[in-house]
């Protein structure tokens, strides 16, 4: 099993937004962007930590087999919040999508290799972050 911990506030993938624009030559083009501007920075941070952990473990080949993935996201609890569970945004599936996309090309040949996924979203008792466990099946 490979275990990776990333410090910092987890960021969700956000929704995709499509739009058209006219290029300098007058042709209409389509583009897709994420609605959350912080997504790219968080995903790159996750990718760097995955690569760093793999280097420490001496692993150089990506996994190309079925895997089980566990993700735990610890969010900063606002001082004004009284509830014990973060049943608010960011959505748990969008948090998981950001990490799954970061796993692709760093640890996994394709994120479709994830055949079992367990995800937890909770308020951090100490520092916010994310813990990822990847296990070959």
N, C-alpha and C. Protein backbone atom coordinates (compact mmCIF):
# COMPACT_ATOMS: atom_id res chain seq x y z
N UNK A 1 0.84 -1.18 0.00
CA UNK A 1 0.00 0.00 0.00
C UNK A 1 0.89 1.24 0.00
N UNK A 2 0.47 2.23 -0.74
CA UNK A 2 1.18 3.51 -0.82
C UNK A 2 0.34 4.55 -0.11
N UNK A 3 0.96 5.25 0.84
CA UNK A 3 0.26 6.28 1.61
C UNK A 3 0.90 7.63 1.35
N UNK A 4 0.06 8.62 1.06
CA UNK A 4 0.54 9.97 0.74
C UNK A 4 -0.28 10.96 1.56
N UNK A 5 0.39 11.92 2.17
CA UNK A 5 -0.30 12.97 2.92
C UNK A 5 0.06 14.32 2.32
N UNK A 6 -0.95 15.13 2.10
CA UNK A 6 -0.78 16.47 1.52
C UNK A 6 -1.30 17.49 2.52
N UNK A 7 -0.46 18.45 2.89
CA UNK A 7 -0.88 19.50 3.82
C UNK A 7 -1.54 20.64 3.04
N UNK A 8 -2.46 21.32 3.69
CA UNK A 8 -3.12 22.47 3.06
C UNK A 8 -4.60 22.25 2.89
N UNK A 9 -5.29 23.32 2.59
CA UNK A 9 -6.75 23.25 2.40
C UNK A 9 -7.08 22.54 1.09
N UNK A 10 -7.79 21.40 1.15
CA UNK A 10 -8.19 20.72 -0.08
C UNK A 10 -9.11 21.60 -0.93
N UNK A 11 -8.95 21.47 -2.25
CA UNK A 11 -9.75 22.26 -3.19
C UNK A 11 -10.47 21.31 -4.13
N UNK A 12 -11.75 21.57 -4.37
CA UNK A 12 -12.53 20.71 -5.25
C UNK A 12 -12.27 21.04 -6.71
N UNK A 13 -12.58 20.09 -7.56
CA UNK A 13 -12.38 20.25 -9.00
C UNK A 13 -13.27 21.35 -9.56
N UNK A 14 -14.42 21.52 -8.99
CA UNK A 14 -15.34 22.53 -9.51
C UNK A 14 -16.04 22.04 -10.77
N UNK A 15 -16.97 22.80 -11.22
CA UNK A 15 -17.70 22.46 -12.43
C UNK A 15 -16.94 22.95 -13.65
N UNK A 16 -17.17 22.30 -14.75
CA UNK A 16 -16.56 22.72 -16.00
C UNK A 16 -17.47 23.75 -16.66
N UNK A 17 -16.85 24.77 -17.25
CA UNK A 17 -17.61 25.78 -17.97
C UNK A 17 -17.08 25.83 -19.40
N UNK A 18 -17.99 25.75 -20.34
CA UNK A 18 -17.62 25.83 -21.75
C UNK A 18 -18.04 27.19 -22.32
N UNK A 19 -17.22 27.70 -23.21
CA UNK A 19 -17.55 28.96 -23.86
C UNK A 19 -16.90 29.00 -25.24
N UNK A 20 -17.42 29.88 -26.09
CA UNK A 20 -16.85 30.07 -27.42
C UNK A 20 -16.25 31.46 -27.50
N UNK A 21 -15.25 31.59 -28.36
CA UNK A 21 -14.61 32.88 -28.56
C UNK A 21 -14.13 32.95 -30.02
N UNK A 22 -13.85 34.14 -30.46
CA UNK A 22 -13.37 34.34 -31.82
C UNK A 22 -11.87 34.62 -31.75
N UNK A 23 -11.10 33.80 -32.49
CA UNK A 23 -9.65 34.00 -32.46
C UNK A 23 -9.24 35.16 -33.37
N UNK A 24 -7.95 35.46 -33.45
CA UNK A 24 -7.46 36.60 -34.22
C UNK A 24 -7.75 36.47 -35.71
N UNK A 25 -7.87 35.23 -36.17
CA UNK A 25 -8.17 34.99 -37.58
C UNK A 25 -9.65 35.03 -37.90
N UNK A 26 -10.48 35.27 -36.90
CA UNK A 26 -11.92 35.36 -37.13
C UNK A 26 -12.67 34.05 -36.96
N UNK A 27 -11.94 32.95 -36.68
CA UNK A 27 -12.59 31.66 -36.49
C UNK A 27 -13.13 31.55 -35.08
N UNK A 28 -14.27 30.88 -34.97
CA UNK A 28 -14.84 30.64 -33.66
C UNK A 28 -14.24 29.37 -33.07
N UNK A 29 -13.85 29.46 -31.82
CA UNK A 29 -13.22 28.34 -31.11
C UNK A 29 -14.01 28.06 -29.85
N UNK A 30 -13.85 26.85 -29.33
CA UNK A 30 -14.47 26.47 -28.07
C UNK A 30 -13.38 26.23 -27.04
N UNK A 31 -13.70 26.51 -25.80
CA UNK A 31 -12.75 26.27 -24.71
C UNK A 31 -13.53 25.81 -23.48
N UNK A 32 -12.84 25.05 -22.64
CA UNK A 32 -13.43 24.57 -21.40
C UNK A 32 -12.51 25.00 -20.26
N UNK A 33 -13.10 25.48 -19.19
CA UNK A 33 -12.32 25.91 -18.03
C UNK A 33 -13.02 25.44 -16.75
N UNK A 34 -12.28 25.42 -15.66
CA UNK A 34 -12.85 25.07 -14.36
C UNK A 34 -13.39 26.32 -13.69
N UNK A 35 -14.46 26.15 -12.95
CA UNK A 35 -15.06 27.30 -12.28
C UNK A 35 -14.27 27.71 -11.03
N UNK A 36 -13.40 26.82 -10.52
CA UNK A 36 -12.62 27.13 -9.33
C UNK A 36 -11.17 27.42 -9.73
N UNK A 37 -10.74 28.66 -9.56
CA UNK A 37 -9.40 29.07 -9.98
C UNK A 37 -8.29 28.41 -9.16
N UNK A 38 -8.59 27.96 -7.95
CA UNK A 38 -7.57 27.36 -7.08
C UNK A 38 -7.32 25.89 -7.38
N UNK A 39 -8.14 25.30 -8.23
CA UNK A 39 -8.04 23.87 -8.52
C UNK A 39 -6.67 23.49 -9.06
N UNK A 40 -6.18 24.20 -10.04
CA UNK A 40 -4.92 23.86 -10.69
C UNK A 40 -3.76 23.86 -9.69
N UNK A 41 -3.72 24.86 -8.81
CA UNK A 41 -2.65 24.95 -7.81
C UNK A 41 -2.70 23.77 -6.86
N UNK A 42 -3.89 23.42 -6.36
CA UNK A 42 -4.03 22.29 -5.44
C UNK A 42 -3.66 20.99 -6.14
N UNK A 43 -4.13 20.79 -7.37
CA UNK A 43 -3.84 19.55 -8.09
C UNK A 43 -2.33 19.41 -8.31
N UNK A 44 -1.66 20.49 -8.65
CA UNK A 44 -0.20 20.45 -8.83
C UNK A 44 0.50 20.12 -7.52
N UNK A 45 0.00 20.65 -6.41
CA UNK A 45 0.56 20.35 -5.10
C UNK A 45 0.41 18.87 -4.79
N UNK A 46 -0.76 18.31 -5.08
CA UNK A 46 -1.00 16.88 -4.86
C UNK A 46 -0.05 16.06 -5.74
N UNK A 47 0.09 16.43 -7.01
CA UNK A 47 0.99 15.72 -7.92
C UNK A 47 2.43 15.74 -7.41
N UNK A 48 2.89 16.92 -6.94
CA UNK A 48 4.26 17.03 -6.41
C UNK A 48 4.46 16.12 -5.21
N UNK A 49 3.48 16.08 -4.33
CA UNK A 49 3.62 15.24 -3.13
C UNK A 49 3.60 13.76 -3.49
N UNK A 50 2.78 13.38 -4.47
CA UNK A 50 2.76 11.98 -4.93
C UNK A 50 4.14 11.62 -5.49
N UNK A 51 4.69 12.45 -6.36
CA UNK A 51 6.01 12.18 -6.94
C UNK A 51 7.09 12.12 -5.88
N UNK A 52 7.03 13.02 -4.90
CA UNK A 52 8.01 13.04 -3.82
C UNK A 52 7.94 11.74 -3.01
N UNK A 53 6.73 11.31 -2.68
CA UNK A 53 6.54 10.08 -1.91
C UNK A 53 7.04 8.88 -2.69
N UNK A 54 6.72 8.82 -3.98
CA UNK A 54 7.17 7.69 -4.80
C UNK A 54 8.69 7.65 -4.90
N UNK A 55 9.31 8.82 -4.99
CA UNK A 55 10.78 8.89 -5.03
C UNK A 55 11.37 8.35 -3.74
N UNK A 56 10.79 8.73 -2.59
CA UNK A 56 11.26 8.23 -1.30
C UNK A 56 11.10 6.71 -1.19
N UNK A 57 10.04 6.19 -1.81
CA UNK A 57 9.79 4.74 -1.77
C UNK A 57 10.60 3.99 -2.83
N UNK A 58 11.24 4.72 -3.74
CA UNK A 58 12.01 4.07 -4.81
C UNK A 58 11.13 3.45 -5.89
N UNK A 59 9.93 3.98 -6.06
CA UNK A 59 9.01 3.46 -7.09
C UNK A 59 9.09 4.36 -8.31
N UNK A 60 9.34 3.77 -9.46
CA UNK A 60 9.48 4.57 -10.68
C UNK A 60 8.43 4.22 -11.72
N UNK A 61 7.75 3.09 -11.56
CA UNK A 61 6.75 2.70 -12.55
C UNK A 61 5.34 3.00 -12.04
N UNK A 62 4.51 3.48 -12.96
CA UNK A 62 3.11 3.72 -12.62
C UNK A 62 2.37 2.40 -12.56
N UNK A 63 1.32 2.36 -11.77
CA UNK A 63 0.48 1.17 -11.66
C UNK A 63 -0.48 1.12 -12.85
N UNK A 64 -0.57 -0.06 -13.43
CA UNK A 64 -1.48 -0.27 -14.56
C UNK A 64 -2.37 -1.47 -14.25
N UNK A 65 -2.94 -1.46 -13.04
CA UNK A 65 -3.78 -2.57 -12.58
C UNK A 65 -4.93 -1.98 -11.76
N UNK A 66 -5.84 -2.83 -11.38
CA UNK A 66 -6.97 -2.40 -10.54
C UNK A 66 -6.45 -2.00 -9.17
N UNK A 67 -6.97 -0.87 -8.65
CA UNK A 67 -6.54 -0.39 -7.34
C UNK A 67 -7.74 0.02 -6.48
N UNK A 68 -7.52 -0.05 -5.18
CA UNK A 68 -8.46 0.47 -4.19
C UNK A 68 -7.85 1.77 -3.68
N UNK A 69 -8.64 2.82 -3.62
CA UNK A 69 -8.14 4.12 -3.15
C UNK A 69 -9.00 4.60 -1.99
N UNK A 70 -8.30 5.05 -0.94
CA UNK A 70 -8.97 5.68 0.19
C UNK A 70 -8.49 7.12 0.25
N UNK A 71 -9.42 8.04 0.36
CA UNK A 71 -9.09 9.46 0.46
C UNK A 71 -9.76 10.02 1.71
N UNK A 72 -8.99 10.77 2.48
CA UNK A 72 -9.53 11.45 3.64
C UNK A 72 -9.20 12.93 3.49
N UNK A 73 -10.23 13.75 3.54
CA UNK A 73 -10.05 15.20 3.41
C UNK A 73 -10.38 15.85 4.75
N UNK A 74 -9.45 16.64 5.27
CA UNK A 74 -9.66 17.36 6.52
C UNK A 74 -9.76 18.84 6.19
N UNK A 75 -10.91 19.41 6.45
CA UNK A 75 -11.18 20.80 6.12
C UNK A 75 -11.07 21.69 7.36
N UNK A 76 -10.71 22.94 7.14
CA UNK A 76 -10.67 23.91 8.22
C UNK A 76 -12.10 24.20 8.68
N UNK A 77 -12.32 24.12 9.98
CA UNK A 77 -13.66 24.39 10.52
C UNK A 77 -13.76 25.87 10.87
N UNK A 78 -14.69 26.58 10.23
CA UNK A 78 -14.88 27.99 10.60
C UNK A 78 -15.29 28.12 12.06
N UNK A 79 -14.85 29.17 12.70
CA UNK A 79 -15.15 29.37 14.13
C UNK A 79 -16.64 29.51 14.40
N UNK A 80 -17.38 30.02 13.42
CA UNK A 80 -18.82 30.24 13.63
C UNK A 80 -19.65 28.97 13.44
N UNK A 81 -19.05 27.88 12.94
CA UNK A 81 -19.80 26.66 12.66
C UNK A 81 -19.94 25.81 13.92
N UNK A 82 -21.17 25.38 14.20
CA UNK A 82 -21.45 24.57 15.39
C UNK A 82 -21.58 23.08 15.07
N UNK A 83 -21.94 22.74 13.83
CA UNK A 83 -22.17 21.34 13.48
C UNK A 83 -20.84 20.56 13.48
N UNK A 84 -20.94 19.25 13.67
CA UNK A 84 -19.73 18.43 13.77
C UNK A 84 -19.25 17.88 12.43
N UNK A 85 -20.11 17.91 11.42
CA UNK A 85 -19.75 17.38 10.10
C UNK A 85 -19.80 18.48 9.04
N UNK A 86 -18.86 18.47 8.10
CA UNK A 86 -18.85 19.50 7.05
C UNK A 86 -19.82 19.18 5.92
N UNK A 87 -21.11 19.26 6.19
CA UNK A 87 -22.12 18.95 5.18
C UNK A 87 -22.43 20.20 4.35
N UNK A 88 -21.35 20.80 3.84
CA UNK A 88 -21.40 21.99 3.00
C UNK A 88 -20.36 21.81 1.89
N UNK A 89 -20.31 22.79 0.99
CA UNK A 89 -19.30 22.75 -0.06
C UNK A 89 -17.91 22.86 0.56
N UNK A 90 -16.90 22.25 -0.01
CA UNK A 90 -16.86 21.61 -1.32
C UNK A 90 -17.46 20.20 -1.29
N UNK A 91 -18.04 19.83 -2.42
CA UNK A 91 -18.66 18.51 -2.55
C UNK A 91 -17.58 17.43 -2.48
N UNK A 92 -17.91 16.34 -1.81
CA UNK A 92 -16.95 15.26 -1.60
C UNK A 92 -16.51 14.62 -2.92
N UNK A 93 -17.44 14.50 -3.88
CA UNK A 93 -17.08 13.89 -5.16
C UNK A 93 -16.13 14.77 -5.96
N UNK A 94 -16.28 16.08 -5.83
CA UNK A 94 -15.39 16.99 -6.57
C UNK A 94 -14.01 17.05 -5.92
N UNK A 95 -13.93 16.89 -4.61
CA UNK A 95 -12.64 16.77 -3.94
C UNK A 95 -11.92 15.51 -4.44
N UNK A 96 -12.66 14.40 -4.49
CA UNK A 96 -12.09 13.14 -4.93
C UNK A 96 -11.64 13.20 -6.39
N UNK A 97 -12.39 13.91 -7.21
CA UNK A 97 -12.04 14.01 -8.64
C UNK A 97 -10.71 14.73 -8.83
N UNK A 98 -10.44 15.75 -8.03
CA UNK A 98 -9.18 16.47 -8.13
C UNK A 98 -8.02 15.53 -7.82
N UNK A 99 -8.15 14.73 -6.76
CA UNK A 99 -7.08 13.80 -6.38
C UNK A 99 -6.94 12.68 -7.40
N UNK A 100 -8.06 12.15 -7.89
CA UNK A 100 -8.00 11.09 -8.90
C UNK A 100 -7.28 11.59 -10.15
N UNK A 101 -7.56 12.81 -10.55
CA UNK A 101 -6.88 13.37 -11.72
C UNK A 101 -5.39 13.56 -11.45
N UNK A 102 -5.03 13.88 -10.21
CA UNK A 102 -3.61 14.02 -9.85
C UNK A 102 -2.91 12.66 -9.83
N UNK A 103 -3.63 11.61 -9.47
CA UNK A 103 -3.04 10.26 -9.47
C UNK A 103 -2.71 9.79 -10.88
N UNK A 104 -3.54 10.23 -11.85
CA UNK A 104 -3.30 9.83 -13.24
C UNK A 104 -2.04 10.50 -13.76
N UNK A 105 -1.13 9.69 -14.25
CA UNK A 105 0.12 10.21 -14.81
C UNK A 105 1.23 10.34 -13.78
N UNK A 106 0.91 10.15 -12.50
CA UNK A 106 1.95 10.16 -11.47
C UNK A 106 2.11 8.78 -10.85
N UNK A 107 1.00 8.21 -10.39
CA UNK A 107 1.01 6.88 -9.78
C UNK A 107 0.25 5.87 -10.61
N UNK A 108 -0.81 6.31 -11.27
CA UNK A 108 -1.64 5.43 -12.09
C UNK A 108 -1.51 5.79 -13.57
N UNK A 109 -1.54 4.78 -14.43
CA UNK A 109 -1.51 5.07 -15.87
C UNK A 109 -2.79 5.78 -16.29
N UNK A 110 -3.89 5.46 -15.60
CA UNK A 110 -5.17 6.09 -15.89
C UNK A 110 -6.03 6.00 -14.64
N UNK A 111 -6.79 7.05 -14.34
CA UNK A 111 -7.61 7.00 -13.13
C UNK A 111 -8.78 6.02 -13.26
N UNK A 112 -8.98 5.46 -14.44
CA UNK A 112 -9.99 4.41 -14.59
C UNK A 112 -9.55 3.11 -13.92
N UNK A 113 -8.29 3.03 -13.49
CA UNK A 113 -7.79 1.84 -12.77
C UNK A 113 -8.36 1.78 -11.35
N UNK A 114 -8.97 2.88 -10.89
CA UNK A 114 -9.61 2.89 -9.57
C UNK A 114 -10.93 2.15 -9.68
N UNK A 115 -11.00 0.98 -9.04
CA UNK A 115 -12.22 0.18 -9.10
C UNK A 115 -12.96 0.19 -7.77
N UNK A 116 -12.30 0.68 -6.72
CA UNK A 116 -12.93 0.81 -5.42
C UNK A 116 -12.44 2.12 -4.80
N UNK A 117 -13.40 2.92 -4.32
CA UNK A 117 -13.06 4.25 -3.80
C UNK A 117 -13.80 4.51 -2.50
N UNK A 118 -13.04 4.87 -1.46
CA UNK A 118 -13.61 5.23 -0.16
C UNK A 118 -13.18 6.66 0.13
N UNK A 119 -14.14 7.53 0.40
CA UNK A 119 -13.83 8.95 0.60
C UNK A 119 -14.48 9.44 1.89
N UNK A 120 -13.71 10.20 2.66
CA UNK A 120 -14.18 10.80 3.90
C UNK A 120 -13.89 12.29 3.86
N UNK A 121 -14.86 13.09 4.29
CA UNK A 121 -14.68 14.53 4.42
C UNK A 121 -15.03 14.88 5.86
N UNK A 122 -14.06 15.48 6.57
CA UNK A 122 -14.29 15.81 7.98
C UNK A 122 -13.60 17.13 8.30
N UNK A 123 -13.97 17.70 9.44
CA UNK A 123 -13.27 18.89 9.91
C UNK A 123 -11.95 18.45 10.53
N UNK A 124 -10.90 19.21 10.28
CA UNK A 124 -9.58 18.91 10.80
C UNK A 124 -9.52 19.16 12.29
N UNK A 125 -8.93 18.23 13.02
CA UNK A 125 -8.70 18.43 14.44
C UNK A 125 -7.45 19.28 14.64
N UNK A 126 -6.52 19.18 13.69
CA UNK A 126 -5.29 19.98 13.75
C UNK A 126 -5.17 20.78 12.45
N UNK A 127 -4.34 20.32 11.54
CA UNK A 127 -4.11 21.02 10.27
C UNK A 127 -4.97 20.43 9.16
N UNK A 128 -5.45 21.26 8.22
CA UNK A 128 -6.20 20.74 7.07
C UNK A 128 -5.27 20.00 6.12
N UNK A 129 -5.85 19.11 5.32
CA UNK A 129 -5.05 18.38 4.35
C UNK A 129 -5.81 17.22 3.77
N UNK A 130 -5.04 16.30 3.20
CA UNK A 130 -5.61 15.13 2.52
C UNK A 130 -4.67 13.95 2.72
N UNK A 131 -5.23 12.79 2.93
CA UNK A 131 -4.45 11.56 3.01
C UNK A 131 -4.99 10.61 1.94
N UNK A 132 -4.07 10.04 1.19
CA UNK A 132 -4.43 9.13 0.11
C UNK A 132 -3.76 7.79 0.37
N UNK A 133 -4.52 6.72 0.24
CA UNK A 133 -3.97 5.37 0.31
C UNK A 133 -4.34 4.65 -0.97
N UNK A 134 -3.34 4.07 -1.63
CA UNK A 134 -3.57 3.34 -2.88
C UNK A 134 -3.07 1.91 -2.69
N UNK A 135 -3.95 0.97 -2.97
CA UNK A 135 -3.62 -0.45 -2.77
C UNK A 135 -3.92 -1.24 -4.03
N UNK A 136 -2.93 -2.00 -4.48
CA UNK A 136 -3.12 -2.85 -5.65
C UNK A 136 -4.08 -3.99 -5.28
N UNK A 137 -4.96 -4.36 -6.21
CA UNK A 137 -5.88 -5.48 -5.98
C UNK A 137 -5.46 -6.68 -6.79
